């Protein structure tokens, strides 16, 4: 099997796992609205496409941002690899492209690092706005065992404007925006091969990047005590510590603080976590 065939197979499998997750989200969305629909029905498959299609577009836009920037700087790269999901309600483990040579300059590195999150946000914002428009406020009884899903600042702001205060039953399109925010936040953590790690390494050099990587990994393990999301991130970080090629030209990039502040703003807009809270009430 050629690399292009492998990428196509992974993309097809990832879309199927995204569709399966989308079908669950559609059933839950309809159930909260008082409509019972079966999981295995063509109408549920059609409803699941809202999530699967929008998540595929978010991941594709993110990787296209990296790819186009690599192409502009003459950096050889592969097509995107889409990864099927480990967590069934998310449906994907993300996507990536491979770069086949060291980055020629730190400017190229920082531009490639920021391009993916920015391109992804171009798709995420419409998904959040339209998805929230199709969502609704619901009455929900408190449970003794609660998994609280954090709401990114971006979704909180739009939700207050579109729906007002109160618990929200999210349309699958809005859930895709939520997951897109989560993935964007994860990518912008200043750790090693993450997009945030590329940005910090390009802006401030390898020594600062190494310190940020250690601090990020230790912080992830601290937050993992009460957060499922950060527990998964901490494990990924521990498995992803390997050698990194530095840019050939070590001159610092122009406007580096602009790139860093833009990345920090995106990170803050997308901040999210899932807390496990066990209440005895």
Protein backbone atom coordinates (compact mmCIF):
# COMPACT_ATOMS: atom_id res chain seq x y z
CA UNK A 1 0.00 0.00 0.00
CA UNK A 2 1.45 3.38 -1.03
CA UNK A 3 1.55 6.32 1.42
CA UNK A 4 -1.26 8.07 -0.47
CA UNK A 5 -3.40 4.92 -0.21
CA UNK A 6 -2.69 4.71 3.52
CA UNK A 7 -3.69 8.35 3.97
CA UNK A 8 -6.91 7.74 2.04
CA UNK A 9 -7.70 4.64 4.13
CA UNK A 10 -7.08 6.49 7.38
CA UNK A 11 -9.21 9.42 6.18
CA UNK A 12 -12.11 7.09 5.30
CA UNK A 13 -11.86 5.26 8.65
CA UNK A 14 -11.69 8.57 10.53
CA UNK A 15 -14.82 9.84 8.78
CA UNK A 16 -16.64 6.64 9.81
CA UNK A 17 -15.62 7.06 13.47
CA UNK A 18 -16.65 10.73 13.27
CA UNK A 19 -20.01 9.70 11.81
CA UNK A 20 -20.53 7.14 14.56
CA UNK A 21 -19.83 9.83 17.18
CA UNK A 22 -22.13 12.23 15.35
CA UNK A 23 -24.96 9.70 15.43
CA UNK A 24 -24.65 9.48 19.22
CA UNK A 25 -24.71 13.28 19.49
CA UNK A 26 -27.78 13.46 17.25
CA UNK A 27 -29.67 10.86 19.31
CA UNK A 28 -28.83 12.71 22.54
CA UNK A 29 -29.78 16.08 21.03
CA UNK A 30 -33.17 14.75 19.93
CA UNK A 31 -33.75 12.94 23.25
CA UNK A 32 -33.22 16.13 25.27
CA UNK A 33 -35.73 17.84 22.97
CA UNK A 34 -38.23 15.09 23.79
CA UNK A 35 -37.87 13.11 20.57
CA UNK A 36 -36.76 9.46 20.73
CA UNK A 37 -34.89 8.29 17.64
CA UNK A 38 -33.09 4.96 17.14
CA UNK A 39 -29.32 4.96 16.85
CA UNK A 40 -29.33 2.77 13.74
CA UNK A 41 -31.59 4.62 11.31
CA UNK A 42 -30.98 6.59 8.14
CA UNK A 43 -32.37 9.74 9.76
CA UNK A 44 -29.79 9.35 12.55
CA UNK A 45 -27.01 8.88 9.99
CA UNK A 46 -28.13 12.10 8.29
CA UNK A 47 -28.16 13.91 11.65
CA UNK A 48 -24.69 12.56 12.45
CA UNK A 49 -23.33 14.15 9.29
CA UNK A 50 -23.62 17.57 10.96
CA UNK A 51 -20.91 16.57 13.39
CA UNK A 52 -18.84 14.37 11.08
CA UNK A 53 -18.78 16.83 8.18
CA UNK A 54 -17.97 19.87 10.30
CA UNK A 55 -15.22 18.06 12.24
CA UNK A 56 -13.68 16.84 8.97
CA UNK A 57 -13.75 20.45 7.72
CA UNK A 58 -12.13 21.76 10.92
CA UNK A 59 -9.34 19.18 10.83
CA UNK A 60 -8.84 19.67 7.10
CA UNK A 61 -8.65 23.46 7.43
CA UNK A 62 -6.11 23.16 10.25
CA UNK A 63 -3.82 20.90 8.26
CA UNK A 64 -4.33 22.97 5.09
CA UNK A 65 -3.07 26.00 7.00
CA UNK A 66 0.14 24.15 7.85
CA UNK A 67 0.48 22.73 4.33
CA UNK A 68 0.00 26.01 2.49
CA UNK A 69 2.52 27.76 4.72
CA UNK A 70 5.05 24.95 4.21
CA UNK A 71 4.51 25.26 0.44
CA UNK A 72 5.06 29.03 0.55
CA UNK A 73 8.39 28.53 2.34
CA UNK A 74 9.55 25.68 0.09
CA UNK A 75 9.37 23.04 2.83
CA UNK A 76 8.61 19.49 1.55
CA UNK A 77 5.66 17.87 3.33
CA UNK A 78 3.24 14.97 3.04
CA UNK A 79 -0.50 15.04 2.66
CA UNK A 80 -2.53 14.99 5.88
CA UNK A 81 -2.91 11.88 8.00
CA UNK A 82 -6.32 11.74 9.71
CA UNK A 83 -6.49 9.57 12.80
CA UNK A 84 -9.62 7.65 13.89
CA UNK A 85 -10.88 8.25 17.40
CA UNK A 86 -9.95 6.57 20.65
CA UNK A 87 -12.80 8.30 22.49
CA UNK A 88 -16.11 7.28 20.85
CA UNK A 89 -17.91 10.59 21.54
CA UNK A 90 -15.16 12.58 19.81
CA UNK A 91 -14.51 10.22 16.91
CA UNK A 92 -10.96 11.30 16.03
CA UNK A 93 -7.51 11.59 17.54
CA UNK A 94 -6.66 14.54 15.28
CA UNK A 95 -4.59 14.89 12.14
CA UNK A 96 -1.06 15.82 11.12
CA UNK A 97 1.28 16.35 8.19
CA UNK A 98 4.91 15.22 8.04
CA UNK A 99 7.69 17.66 7.17
CA UNK A 100 10.61 16.07 5.31
CA UNK A 101 13.35 18.63 5.99
CA UNK A 102 14.45 21.03 8.72
CA UNK A 103 12.72 24.41 8.68
CA UNK A 104 14.88 26.88 6.76
CA UNK A 105 14.30 29.79 9.18
CA UNK A 106 12.68 30.53 12.52
CA UNK A 107 10.27 32.78 10.65
CA UNK A 108 9.09 29.81 8.60
CA UNK A 109 8.73 27.72 11.77
CA UNK A 110 6.61 30.27 13.60
CA UNK A 111 4.40 30.87 10.56
CA UNK A 112 3.80 27.16 10.05
CA UNK A 113 3.02 26.78 13.76
CA UNK A 114 0.40 29.54 13.90
CA UNK A 115 -1.16 28.89 10.47
CA UNK A 116 -2.95 25.67 11.48
CA UNK A 117 -4.84 27.05 14.50
CA UNK A 118 -5.77 30.25 12.64
CA UNK A 119 -7.08 28.31 9.62
CA UNK A 120 -9.00 25.95 11.89
CA UNK A 121 -10.66 28.87 13.70
CA UNK A 122 -11.99 30.14 10.36
CA UNK A 123 -14.20 27.02 10.31
CA UNK A 124 -14.75 26.68 14.08
CA UNK A 125 -16.34 30.11 14.56
CA UNK A 126 -19.18 29.56 12.01
CA UNK A 127 -19.79 26.08 13.49
CA UNK A 128 -20.13 27.60 16.96
CA UNK A 129 -22.39 30.46 15.87
CA UNK A 130 -24.75 28.43 13.66
CA UNK A 131 -24.67 25.42 16.00
CA UNK A 132 -25.62 27.56 19.00
CA UNK A 133 -28.38 29.18 16.95
CA UNK A 134 -29.84 25.68 16.45
CA UNK A 135 -29.30 24.72 20.11
CA UNK A 136 -31.68 25.43 22.99
CA UNK A 137 -31.83 26.15 26.71
CA UNK A 138 -33.03 23.13 28.71
CA UNK A 139 -34.02 22.28 32.29
CA UNK A 140 -31.66 19.70 33.73
CA UNK A 141 -31.77 18.15 37.20
CA UNK A 142 -28.50 18.04 39.12
CA UNK A 143 -27.03 14.58 39.49
CA UNK A 144 -24.96 13.22 42.36
CA UNK A 145 -22.29 12.12 39.89
CA UNK A 146 -21.47 14.88 37.47
CA UNK A 147 -19.07 15.16 34.57
CA UNK A 148 -18.83 18.88 33.90
CA UNK A 149 -17.84 19.86 30.38
CA UNK A 150 -15.97 23.13 30.37
CA UNK A 151 -17.16 25.84 28.01
CA UNK A 152 -14.50 27.76 26.09
CA UNK A 153 -14.69 31.53 26.38
CA UNK A 154 -15.59 31.68 22.69
CA UNK A 155 -18.65 29.47 23.19
CA UNK A 156 -19.62 31.16 26.45
CA UNK A 157 -19.63 34.58 24.79
CA UNK A 158 -21.66 33.49 21.78
CA UNK A 159 -24.01 31.39 23.92
CA UNK A 160 -24.82 34.36 26.17
CA UNK A 161 -25.49 36.50 23.10
CA UNK A 162 -27.55 33.94 21.15
CA UNK A 163 -29.30 31.87 23.84
CA UNK A 164 -28.98 33.70 27.15
CA UNK A 165 -28.13 32.12 30.54
CA UNK A 166 -28.82 28.51 31.46
CA UNK A 167 -27.78 24.95 30.55
CA UNK A 168 -27.69 24.35 26.82
CA UNK A 169 -28.59 21.32 24.71
CA UNK A 170 -25.97 21.59 22.00
CA UNK A 171 -26.72 20.83 18.38
CA UNK A 172 -24.11 18.42 16.90
CA UNK A 173 -22.74 21.30 14.81
CA UNK A 174 -22.05 23.26 18.01
CA UNK A 175 -20.46 20.16 19.56
CA UNK A 176 -18.07 20.04 16.59
CA UNK A 177 -17.17 23.65 17.35
CA UNK A 178 -16.60 22.68 20.99
CA UNK A 179 -14.30 19.79 20.02
CA UNK A 180 -12.54 22.06 17.52
CA UNK A 181 -11.84 24.56 20.31
CA UNK A 182 -10.53 21.72 22.47
CA UNK A 183 -8.16 20.50 19.76
CA UNK A 184 -6.98 24.06 19.04
CA UNK A 185 -6.20 24.61 22.71
CA UNK A 186 -4.26 21.34 22.90
CA UNK A 187 -2.24 22.20 19.80
CA UNK A 188 -1.27 25.59 21.25
CA UNK A 189 0.26 24.19 24.44
CA UNK A 190 3.95 25.24 24.31
CA UNK A 191 5.27 21.68 24.24
CA UNK A 192 7.80 20.08 21.88
CA UNK A 193 6.16 19.18 18.53
CA UNK A 194 2.80 20.81 19.31
CA UNK A 195 2.03 23.96 17.35
CA UNK A 196 2.57 25.99 20.52
CA UNK A 197 5.98 24.37 20.92
CA UNK A 198 6.93 25.41 17.38
CA UNK A 199 5.85 28.98 18.10
CA UNK A 200 7.80 29.26 21.36
CA UNK A 201 10.92 27.60 19.88
CA UNK A 202 10.86 29.94 16.89
CA UNK A 203 10.20 33.05 18.96
CA UNK A 204 12.59 32.51 21.88
CA UNK A 205 14.99 29.70 20.97
CA UNK A 206 15.50 26.07 22.04
CA UNK A 207 16.42 26.73 25.69
CA UNK A 208 13.24 28.65 26.47
CA UNK A 209 11.24 26.08 24.49
CA UNK A 210 12.73 23.24 26.58
CA UNK A 211 11.77 25.00 29.84
CA UNK A 212 8.24 25.63 28.52
CA UNK A 213 7.93 21.97 27.55
CA UNK A 214 8.87 20.77 31.02
CA UNK A 215 6.56 23.29 32.70
CA UNK A 216 3.71 22.32 30.36
CA UNK A 217 4.13 18.61 31.03
CA UNK A 218 4.34 19.09 34.81
CA UNK A 219 1.31 21.40 34.70
CA UNK A 220 -0.62 18.79 32.73
CA UNK A 221 0.12 16.15 35.37
CA UNK A 222 -1.04 18.52 38.13
CA UNK A 223 -4.29 19.32 36.30
CA UNK A 224 -4.79 15.61 35.52
CA UNK A 225 -5.80 15.04 39.16
CA UNK A 226 -9.26 16.46 38.42
CA UNK A 227 -9.47 16.61 34.65
CA UNK A 228 -9.94 13.81 32.15
CA UNK A 229 -8.73 16.05 29.34
CA UNK A 230 -5.47 16.94 31.04
CA UNK A 231 -4.85 13.34 32.07
CA UNK A 232 -4.96 12.36 28.38
CA UNK A 233 -2.73 15.32 27.47
CA UNK A 234 -0.18 14.38 30.13
CA UNK A 235 0.06 10.83 28.75
CA UNK A 236 0.48 12.13 25.18
CA UNK A 237 3.25 14.50 26.33
CA UNK A 238 5.10 11.74 28.14
CA UNK A 239 5.04 9.59 24.98
CA UNK A 240 5.99 12.43 22.61
CA UNK A 241 9.40 13.41 23.98
CA UNK A 242 11.84 12.90 21.11
CA UNK A 243 14.54 14.76 19.20
CA UNK A 244 13.59 17.97 17.38
CA UNK A 245 15.50 19.44 14.43
CA UNK A 246 16.25 23.15 14.86
CA UNK A 247 15.81 25.67 12.00
CA UNK A 248 18.87 26.07 9.76
CA UNK A 249 18.87 29.87 10.16
CA UNK A 250 18.80 30.82 13.85
CA UNK A 251 17.98 34.52 13.37
CA UNK A 252 14.85 35.41 15.41
CA UNK A 253 11.71 36.10 13.37
CA UNK A 254 10.33 39.59 12.83
CA UNK A 255 7.15 40.48 14.72
CA UNK A 256 7.67 37.47 16.99
CA UNK A 257 5.68 39.02 19.85
CA UNK A 258 2.76 39.50 17.47
CA UNK A 259 2.74 35.77 16.69
CA UNK A 260 3.11 34.86 20.37
CA UNK A 261 0.27 37.17 21.47
CA UNK A 262 -1.97 35.87 18.68
CA UNK A 263 -1.32 32.28 19.79
CA UNK A 264 -1.97 33.22 23.44
CA UNK A 265 -5.26 34.90 22.47
CA UNK A 266 -6.40 31.80 20.57
CA UNK A 267 -5.40 29.60 23.51
CA UNK A 268 -7.44 31.76 25.90
CA UNK A 269 -10.48 31.76 23.61
CA UNK A 270 -10.37 27.95 23.41
CA UNK A 271 -9.42 27.09 27.01
CA UNK A 272 -11.37 24.01 28.00
CA UNK A 273 -11.28 21.03 30.28
CA UNK A 274 -13.53 18.24 31.53
CA UNK A 275 -13.76 18.03 35.30
CA UNK A 276 -14.87 15.01 37.28
CA UNK A 277 -16.81 16.15 40.32
CA UNK A 278 -18.26 13.67 42.78
CA UNK A 279 -20.89 15.37 44.94
CA UNK A 280 -22.80 13.74 47.78
CA UNK A 281 -26.13 15.55 47.69
